[in-house]
């Protein structure tokens, strides 16, 4: 769910750290917001890529990153941004 403090005057939505479905959902919600000026909304994504020789290797690296994540630090970063 988007926070109640969602900007009312922005025509750009930047996101970091979400699933593809989450990005689509939030971008769709943002695009539906009325803008005070005649312009279209746009989205930008800060994406990170895990490149390995196979999908399985890349998925294992992602699993390891998640398994060893400092949850408190991740949440603090999310709250800060």
N, C-alpha and C. Protein backbone atom coordinates (compact mmCIF):
# COMPACT_ATOMS: atom_id res chain seq x y z
N UNK A 1 0.84 -1.18 0.00
CA UNK A 1 0.00 0.00 0.00
C UNK A 1 0.88 1.24 0.00
N UNK A 2 0.49 2.24 -0.74
CA UNK A 2 1.25 3.47 -0.79
C UNK A 2 0.90 4.36 0.38
N UNK A 3 1.88 5.07 0.86
CA UNK A 3 1.68 5.93 2.02
C UNK A 3 0.74 7.08 1.71
N UNK A 4 0.08 7.59 2.73
CA UNK A 4 -0.85 8.70 2.57
C UNK A 4 -0.13 9.97 2.14
N UNK A 5 1.18 10.02 2.33
CA UNK A 5 1.96 11.21 1.98
C UNK A 5 2.44 11.18 0.53
N UNK A 6 1.83 10.34 -0.29
CA UNK A 6 2.19 10.24 -1.70
C UNK A 6 2.16 11.63 -2.32
N UNK A 7 3.23 12.03 -3.02
CA UNK A 7 3.28 13.39 -3.57
C UNK A 7 2.12 13.70 -4.50
N UNK A 8 1.65 14.92 -4.41
CA UNK A 8 0.53 15.35 -5.25
C UNK A 8 0.98 16.15 -6.46
N UNK A 9 2.26 16.51 -6.53
CA UNK A 9 2.71 17.40 -7.59
C UNK A 9 3.85 16.82 -8.42
N UNK A 10 4.13 15.57 -8.29
CA UNK A 10 5.23 14.96 -9.03
C UNK A 10 4.73 14.27 -10.29
N UNK A 11 5.52 14.35 -11.35
CA UNK A 11 5.16 13.60 -12.55
C UNK A 11 6.13 12.44 -12.78
N UNK A 12 7.03 12.20 -11.84
CA UNK A 12 7.95 11.06 -11.88
C UNK A 12 7.78 10.23 -10.62
N UNK A 13 7.82 8.90 -10.79
CA UNK A 13 7.83 7.97 -9.66
C UNK A 13 9.08 7.11 -9.79
N UNK A 14 9.99 7.22 -8.83
CA UNK A 14 11.20 6.40 -8.80
C UNK A 14 11.03 5.32 -7.74
N UNK A 15 11.45 4.11 -8.07
CA UNK A 15 11.31 3.01 -7.13
C UNK A 15 12.62 2.24 -7.02
N UNK A 16 12.78 1.58 -5.91
CA UNK A 16 13.97 0.80 -5.64
C UNK A 16 13.56 -0.40 -4.81
N UNK A 17 13.92 -1.57 -5.26
CA UNK A 17 13.69 -2.76 -4.46
C UNK A 17 12.25 -3.22 -4.40
N UNK A 18 11.79 -3.85 -5.44
CA UNK A 18 10.44 -4.38 -5.45
C UNK A 18 10.40 -5.50 -6.48
N UNK A 19 9.35 -6.28 -6.45
CA UNK A 19 9.16 -7.31 -7.48
C UNK A 19 8.64 -6.65 -8.75
N UNK A 20 8.69 -7.38 -9.84
CA UNK A 20 8.15 -6.86 -11.10
C UNK A 20 6.67 -6.52 -10.93
N UNK A 21 5.94 -7.40 -10.25
CA UNK A 21 4.52 -7.15 -10.02
C UNK A 21 4.31 -5.91 -9.15
N UNK A 22 5.16 -5.74 -8.13
CA UNK A 22 5.05 -4.58 -7.25
C UNK A 22 5.32 -3.28 -7.99
N UNK A 23 6.32 -3.30 -8.88
CA UNK A 23 6.64 -2.12 -9.68
C UNK A 23 5.47 -1.78 -10.59
N UNK A 24 4.90 -2.78 -11.26
CA UNK A 24 3.76 -2.56 -12.14
C UNK A 24 2.58 -1.97 -11.36
N UNK A 25 2.31 -2.54 -10.19
CA UNK A 25 1.18 -2.08 -9.38
C UNK A 25 1.37 -0.63 -8.95
N UNK A 26 2.54 -0.31 -8.43
CA UNK A 26 2.78 1.06 -7.96
C UNK A 26 2.81 2.05 -9.11
N UNK A 27 3.39 1.68 -10.23
CA UNK A 27 3.44 2.57 -11.40
C UNK A 27 2.03 2.84 -11.92
N UNK A 28 1.19 1.81 -11.92
CA UNK A 28 -0.19 1.97 -12.37
C UNK A 28 -0.96 2.90 -11.43
N UNK A 29 -0.76 2.74 -10.13
CA UNK A 29 -1.42 3.62 -9.16
C UNK A 29 -0.95 5.05 -9.36
N UNK A 30 0.35 5.25 -9.53
CA UNK A 30 0.88 6.58 -9.73
C UNK A 30 0.34 7.21 -11.01
N UNK A 31 0.32 6.43 -12.09
CA UNK A 31 -0.16 6.95 -13.37
C UNK A 31 -1.62 7.37 -13.31
N UNK A 32 -2.38 6.75 -12.42
CA UNK A 32 -3.81 7.08 -12.30
C UNK A 32 -4.05 8.35 -11.48
N UNK A 33 -3.03 8.83 -10.78
CA UNK A 33 -3.19 10.04 -9.96
C UNK A 33 -3.34 11.26 -10.86
N UNK A 34 -4.30 12.12 -10.56
CA UNK A 34 -4.43 13.35 -11.36
C UNK A 34 -3.25 14.28 -11.07
N UNK A 35 -2.71 14.87 -12.12
CA UNK A 35 -1.61 15.81 -11.98
C UNK A 35 -2.12 17.24 -12.13
N UNK A 36 -1.52 18.18 -11.39
CA UNK A 36 -2.01 19.56 -11.46
C UNK A 36 -1.65 20.27 -12.75
N UNK A 37 -0.78 19.67 -13.55
CA UNK A 37 -0.41 20.27 -14.83
C UNK A 37 -0.64 19.24 -15.93
N UNK A 38 -0.75 19.70 -17.14
CA UNK A 38 -1.02 18.80 -18.26
C UNK A 38 0.28 18.11 -18.69
N UNK A 39 0.55 16.98 -18.11
CA UNK A 39 1.73 16.20 -18.46
C UNK A 39 1.43 14.74 -18.16
N UNK A 40 2.25 13.86 -18.65
CA UNK A 40 2.04 12.44 -18.34
C UNK A 40 3.00 12.01 -17.25
N UNK A 41 2.60 11.05 -16.46
CA UNK A 41 3.48 10.56 -15.41
C UNK A 41 4.47 9.57 -16.00
N UNK A 42 5.62 9.46 -15.34
CA UNK A 42 6.67 8.55 -15.78
C UNK A 42 7.22 7.82 -14.56
N UNK A 43 7.81 6.67 -14.82
CA UNK A 43 8.39 5.88 -13.74
C UNK A 43 9.85 5.60 -14.05
N UNK A 44 10.64 5.53 -13.01
CA UNK A 44 12.04 5.15 -13.12
C UNK A 44 12.35 4.08 -12.09
N UNK A 45 13.22 3.14 -12.46
CA UNK A 45 13.52 2.02 -11.58
C UNK A 45 15.03 1.92 -11.38
N UNK A 46 15.42 1.80 -10.13
CA UNK A 46 16.80 1.51 -9.78
C UNK A 46 16.90 -0.01 -9.67
N UNK A 47 17.42 -0.65 -10.70
CA UNK A 47 17.42 -2.11 -10.75
C UNK A 47 18.83 -2.67 -10.52
N UNK A 48 18.88 -3.85 -10.00
CA UNK A 48 20.13 -4.56 -9.80
C UNK A 48 20.05 -5.87 -10.55
N UNK A 49 21.13 -6.24 -11.19
CA UNK A 49 21.16 -7.43 -12.04
C UNK A 49 22.11 -8.46 -11.44
N UNK A 50 21.67 -9.70 -11.39
CA UNK A 50 22.53 -10.81 -11.00
C UNK A 50 22.77 -11.63 -12.26
N UNK A 51 23.98 -11.58 -12.77
CA UNK A 51 24.30 -12.28 -14.02
C UNK A 51 25.19 -13.50 -13.73
N UNK A 52 24.72 -14.65 -14.11
CA UNK A 52 25.47 -15.89 -13.98
C UNK A 52 25.27 -16.68 -15.26
N UNK A 53 25.98 -17.79 -15.39
CA UNK A 53 25.89 -18.58 -16.61
C UNK A 53 24.52 -19.22 -16.81
N UNK A 54 23.83 -19.53 -15.71
CA UNK A 54 22.50 -20.14 -15.82
C UNK A 54 21.52 -19.42 -14.90
N UNK A 55 20.24 -19.59 -15.21
CA UNK A 55 19.20 -19.04 -14.34
C UNK A 55 19.30 -19.63 -12.93
N UNK A 56 19.59 -20.92 -12.86
CA UNK A 56 19.69 -21.59 -11.56
C UNK A 56 20.80 -20.98 -10.71
N UNK A 57 21.94 -20.69 -11.32
CA UNK A 57 23.04 -20.07 -10.57
C UNK A 57 22.64 -18.67 -10.09
N UNK A 58 21.99 -17.90 -10.94
CA UNK A 58 21.56 -16.56 -10.56
C UNK A 58 20.54 -16.63 -9.43
N UNK A 59 19.60 -17.56 -9.52
CA UNK A 59 18.60 -17.71 -8.46
C UNK A 59 19.24 -18.14 -7.15
N UNK A 60 20.30 -18.94 -7.21
CA UNK A 60 20.99 -19.35 -5.99
C UNK A 60 21.69 -18.16 -5.35
N UNK A 61 22.30 -17.31 -6.16
CA UNK A 61 22.93 -16.11 -5.63
C UNK A 61 21.89 -15.22 -4.96
N UNK A 62 20.74 -15.02 -5.62
CA UNK A 62 19.66 -14.22 -5.03
C UNK A 62 19.22 -14.83 -3.70
N UNK A 63 19.05 -16.15 -3.69
CA UNK A 63 18.65 -16.84 -2.45
C UNK A 63 19.68 -16.59 -1.34
N UNK A 64 20.97 -16.67 -1.68
CA UNK A 64 22.02 -16.45 -0.69
C UNK A 64 22.01 -15.01 -0.17
N UNK A 65 21.78 -14.05 -1.07
CA UNK A 65 21.71 -12.64 -0.66
C UNK A 65 20.57 -12.45 0.34
N UNK A 66 19.41 -13.00 0.01
CA UNK A 66 18.24 -12.86 0.89
C UNK A 66 18.47 -13.58 2.21
N UNK A 67 19.05 -14.78 2.15
CA UNK A 67 19.27 -15.58 3.36
C UNK A 67 20.24 -14.90 4.32
N UNK A 68 21.18 -14.14 3.80
CA UNK A 68 22.20 -13.51 4.64
C UNK A 68 21.97 -12.01 4.84
N UNK A 69 20.82 -11.52 4.43
CA UNK A 69 20.54 -10.09 4.55
C UNK A 69 20.40 -9.68 6.01
N UNK A 70 20.87 -8.49 6.30
CA UNK A 70 20.67 -7.89 7.63
C UNK A 70 19.31 -7.19 7.57
N UNK A 71 18.27 -7.88 8.03
CA UNK A 71 16.90 -7.39 7.91
C UNK A 71 16.72 -6.02 8.56
N UNK A 72 17.34 -5.81 9.69
CA UNK A 72 17.24 -4.52 10.37
C UNK A 72 17.83 -3.41 9.51
N UNK A 73 18.97 -3.66 8.89
CA UNK A 73 19.60 -2.66 8.03
C UNK A 73 18.77 -2.41 6.77
N UNK A 74 18.22 -3.47 6.20
CA UNK A 74 17.37 -3.33 5.01
C UNK A 74 16.14 -2.48 5.33
N UNK A 75 15.50 -2.76 6.44
CA UNK A 75 14.32 -2.00 6.84
C UNK A 75 14.67 -0.55 7.16
N UNK A 76 15.81 -0.32 7.79
CA UNK A 76 16.24 1.05 8.10
C UNK A 76 16.48 1.83 6.82
N UNK A 77 17.10 1.18 5.82
CA UNK A 77 17.33 1.84 4.53
C UNK A 77 16.00 2.17 3.87
N UNK A 78 15.08 1.22 3.88
CA UNK A 78 13.76 1.45 3.29
C UNK A 78 13.03 2.60 3.96
N UNK A 79 13.13 2.69 5.27
CA UNK A 79 12.48 3.79 6.00
C UNK A 79 13.14 5.13 5.67
N UNK A 80 14.44 5.10 5.45
CA UNK A 80 15.18 6.35 5.18
C UNK A 80 14.89 6.91 3.80
N UNK A 81 14.65 6.03 2.86
CA UNK A 81 14.41 6.51 1.49
C UNK A 81 12.94 6.54 1.18
